[in-house]
Amino acid sequence: MPLIDLPLDKLKAYPGRSSRPADHDAYWARALAEMAAVDPKVELVPYPMNAPFADRRHERKEEIFTRRGYIDVQFLAPRVRAQTTMAVGLMDEVCPPSIRIPGAL
C-alpha cells in the first residue's frame, strides 16, 4: 500500500515542487548548440579480454541464450543486501505467483 499524504483529489491536481524555468527552451538550445560544436574525437579500441565465456561478437548467441535461458532468482537472493521491491506478473505460467509470494496458495 503506497504512503500518500494528500487526499486523492489534491494529489491528482498537484503540480509538483519544481517549476519549469522561464528560459528552459533557450537554455537547452544553447546547450545543444555548444555540444554540437565540439568534435568528440572518439576512437574505439578493442580491449584484449581473455574471457572465453564472453561473446562480444554475438557469434554464440543461440547457445548462450539456450544455456542461460532461465536464471532462478532464488539462487541470487542470499546475496541481496538492500531493501528490495518485488514485482509479480500474475499471468506467468512458468513461475506463478503462488510459488513466489508466501501465503498466496
C-alpha atoms as a PDB file:
ATOM      1  CA  MET A   1       0.000   0.000   0.000  1.00  0.00           C
ATOM      2  CA  PRO A   2       1.554   3.336  -1.008  1.00  0.00           C
ATOM      3  CA  LEU A   3       2.023   6.049   1.567  1.00  0.00           C
ATOM      4  CA  ILE A   4       0.277   9.214   0.343  1.00  0.00           C
ATOM      5  CA  ASP A   5      -0.006  12.365   2.416  1.00  0.00           C
ATOM      6  CA  LEU A   6      -2.610  14.165   0.251  1.00  0.00           C
ATOM      7  CA  PRO A   7      -6.248  13.365  -0.473  1.00  0.00           C
ATOM      8  CA  LEU A   8      -6.701  11.813  -3.915  1.00  0.00           C
ATOM      9  CA  ASP A   9      -8.377  14.873  -5.493  1.00  0.00           C
ATOM     10  CA  LYS A  10      -5.499  17.139  -4.371  1.00  0.00           C
ATOM     11  CA  LEU A  11      -2.917  14.549  -5.388  1.00  0.00           C
ATOM     12  CA  LYS A  12      -4.315  14.405  -8.945  1.00  0.00           C
ATOM     13  CA  ALA A  13      -4.066  18.203  -9.237  1.00  0.00           C
ATOM     14  CA  TYR A  14      -0.655  18.514  -7.544  1.00  0.00           C
ATOM     15  CA  PRO A  15       1.765  20.368  -9.882  1.00  0.00           C
ATOM     16  CA  GLY A  16       4.952  19.140  -8.243  1.00  0.00           C
ATOM     17  CA  ARG A  17       7.651  21.098  -6.446  1.00  0.00           C
ATOM     18  CA  SER A  18       9.948  22.046  -9.308  1.00  0.00           C
ATOM     19  CA  SER A  19       8.618  24.552 -11.774  1.00  0.00           C
ATOM     20  CA  ARG A  20       9.952  24.923 -15.299  1.00  0.00           C
ATOM     21  CA  PRO A  21      12.282  27.946 -15.558  1.00  0.00           C
ATOM     22  CA  ALA A  22      11.238  30.669 -17.999  1.00  0.00           C
ATOM     23  CA  ASP A  23      14.467  30.240 -20.009  1.00  0.00           C
ATOM     24  CA  HIS A  24      14.242  26.429 -20.216  1.00  0.00           C
ATOM     25  CA  ASP A  25      13.956  26.201 -24.030  1.00  0.00           C
ATOM     26  CA  ALA A  26      16.666  28.817 -24.592  1.00  0.00           C
ATOM     27  CA  TYR A  27      18.990  27.054 -22.141  1.00  0.00           C
ATOM     28  CA  TRP A  28      18.652  23.715 -23.927  1.00  0.00           C
ATOM     29  CA  ALA A  29      19.041  25.321 -27.358  1.00  0.00           C
ATOM     30  CA  ARG A  30      22.339  26.882 -26.177  1.00  0.00           C
ATOM     31  CA  ALA A  31      23.487  23.630 -24.554  1.00  0.00           C
ATOM     32  CA  LEU A  32      22.742  21.542 -27.657  1.00  0.00           C
ATOM     33  CA  ALA A  33      24.468  24.080 -29.931  1.00  0.00           C
ATOM     34  CA  GLU A  34      27.507  24.040 -27.651  1.00  0.00           C
ATOM     35  CA  MET A  35      27.683  20.237 -27.691  1.00  0.00           C
ATOM     36  CA  ALA A  36      27.249  20.105 -31.472  1.00  0.00           C
ATOM     37  CA  ALA A  37      30.220  22.459 -31.895  1.00  0.00           C
ATOM     38  CA  VAL A  38      32.608  20.077 -30.087  1.00  0.00           C
ATOM     39  CA  ASP A  39      34.303  17.288 -32.029  1.00  0.00           C
ATOM     40  CA  PRO A  40      34.358  14.336 -29.604  1.00  0.00           C
ATOM     41  CA  LYS A  41      37.272  12.609 -31.427  1.00  0.00           C
ATOM     42  CA  VAL A  42      36.027   9.189 -30.426  1.00  0.00           C
ATOM     43  CA  GLU A  43      38.322   6.237 -31.052  1.00  0.00           C
ATOM     44  CA  LEU A  44      37.037   2.735 -30.395  1.00  0.00           C
ATOM     45  CA  VAL A  45      39.825   0.338 -29.499  1.00  0.00           C
ATOM     46  CA  PRO A  46      39.028  -3.314 -28.753  1.00  0.00           C
ATOM     47  CA  TYR A  47      40.175  -4.405 -25.316  1.00  0.00           C
ATOM     48  CA  PRO A  48      42.204  -7.640 -25.377  1.00  0.00           C
ATOM     49  CA  MET A  49      39.982  -9.523 -22.951  1.00  0.00           C
ATOM     50  CA  ASN A  50      40.816 -13.096 -22.012  1.00  0.00           C
ATOM     51  CA  ALA A  51      37.320 -14.329 -21.227  1.00  0.00           C
ATOM     52  CA  PRO A  52      36.304 -17.393 -23.257  1.00  0.00           C
ATOM     53  CA  PHE A  53      32.759 -17.179 -21.871  1.00  0.00           C
ATOM     54  CA  ALA A  54      32.262 -13.695 -23.362  1.00  0.00           C
ATOM     55  CA  ASP A  55      30.616 -13.452 -26.753  1.00  0.00           C
ATOM     56  CA  ARG A  56      31.452  -9.905 -27.801  1.00  0.00           C
ATOM     57  CA  ARG A  57      30.530 -10.504 -31.444  1.00  0.00           C
ATOM     58  CA  HIS A  58      27.354 -12.453 -30.648  1.00  0.00           C
ATOM     59  CA  GLU A  59      28.618 -15.472 -32.588  1.00  0.00           C
ATOM     60  CA  ARG A  60      27.293 -17.943 -29.982  1.00  0.00           C
ATOM     61  CA  LYS A  61      24.095 -16.074 -29.150  1.00  0.00           C
ATOM     62  CA  GLU A  62      21.761 -19.056 -29.585  1.00  0.00           C
ATOM     63  CA  GLU A  63      23.964 -21.345 -27.482  1.00  0.00           C
ATOM     64  CA  ILE A  64      24.294 -18.793 -24.701  1.00  0.00           C
ATOM     65  CA  PHE A  65      20.575 -17.994 -24.574  1.00  0.00           C
ATOM     66  CA  THR A  66      19.762 -21.703 -24.570  1.00  0.00           C
ATOM     67  CA  ARG A  67      22.121 -22.452 -21.696  1.00  0.00           C
ATOM     68  CA  ARG A  68      21.233 -19.339 -19.706  1.00  0.00           C
ATOM     69  CA  GLY A  69      17.599 -19.160 -20.721  1.00  0.00           C
ATOM     70  CA  TYR A  70      16.375 -19.249 -17.157  1.00  0.00           C
ATOM     71  CA  ILE A  71      18.089 -17.758 -14.143  1.00  0.00           C
ATOM     72  CA  ASP A  72      16.341 -18.548 -10.895  1.00  0.00           C
ATOM     73  CA  VAL A  73      16.375 -15.590  -8.543  1.00  0.00           C
ATOM     74  CA  GLN A  74      16.253 -17.888  -5.529  1.00  0.00           C
ATOM     75  CA  PHE A  75      19.966 -18.565  -6.000  1.00  0.00           C
ATOM     76  CA  LEU A  76      20.774 -14.836  -6.083  1.00  0.00           C
ATOM     77  CA  ALA A  77      18.539 -13.825  -3.164  1.00  0.00           C
ATOM     78  CA  PRO A  78      21.088 -14.607  -0.399  1.00  0.00           C
ATOM     79  CA  ARG A  79      23.433 -12.018  -1.957  1.00  0.00           C
ATOM     80  CA  VAL A  80      20.913  -9.149  -1.757  1.00  0.00           C
ATOM     81  CA  ARG A  81      21.837  -6.717   0.999  1.00  0.00           C
ATOM     82  CA  ALA A  82      19.426  -3.849   0.277  1.00  0.00           C
ATOM     83  CA  GLN A  83      15.718  -3.228   0.679  1.00  0.00           C
ATOM     84  CA  THR A  84      14.029  -4.711  -2.371  1.00  0.00           C
ATOM     85  CA  THR A  85      10.729  -4.271  -4.165  1.00  0.00           C
ATOM     86  CA  MET A  86       9.405  -7.337  -5.968  1.00  0.00           C
ATOM     87  CA  ALA A  87       7.093  -7.152  -8.974  1.00  0.00           C
ATOM     88  CA  VAL A  88       4.972 -10.186  -9.749  1.00  0.00           C
ATOM     89  CA  GLY A  89       3.393 -10.942 -13.118  1.00  0.00           C
ATOM     90  CA  LEU A  90       0.143 -12.642 -12.255  1.00  0.00           C
ATOM     91  CA  MET A  91      -0.149 -14.304 -15.678  1.00  0.00           C
ATOM     92  CA  ASP A  92       3.233 -16.051 -15.508  1.00  0.00           C
ATOM     93  CA  GLU A  93       2.548 -19.736 -16.217  1.00  0.00           C
ATOM     94  CA  VAL A  94       6.185 -20.834 -15.808  1.00  0.00           C
ATOM     95  CA  CYS A  95       6.661 -19.313 -12.363  1.00  0.00           C
ATOM     96  CA  PRO A  96       3.206 -18.450 -10.948  1.00  0.00           C
ATOM     97  CA  PRO A  97       2.878 -16.022  -8.024  1.00  0.00           C
ATOM     98  CA  SER A  98       1.772 -18.808  -5.714  1.00  0.00           C
ATOM     99  CA  ILE A  99       5.366 -20.046  -5.528  1.00  0.00           C
ATOM    100  CA  ARG A 100       6.867 -16.572  -5.168  1.00  0.00           C
ATOM    101  CA  ILE A 101       4.588 -14.938  -2.617  1.00  0.00           C
ATOM    102  CA  PRO A 102       4.432 -16.558   0.820  1.00  0.00           C
ATOM    103  CA  GLY A 103       0.850 -17.438   1.678  1.00  0.00           C
ATOM    104  CA  ALA A 104      -0.507 -16.942  -1.867  1.00  0.00           C
ATOM    105  CA  LEU A 105      -1.767 -20.512  -2.159  1.00  0.00           C
END
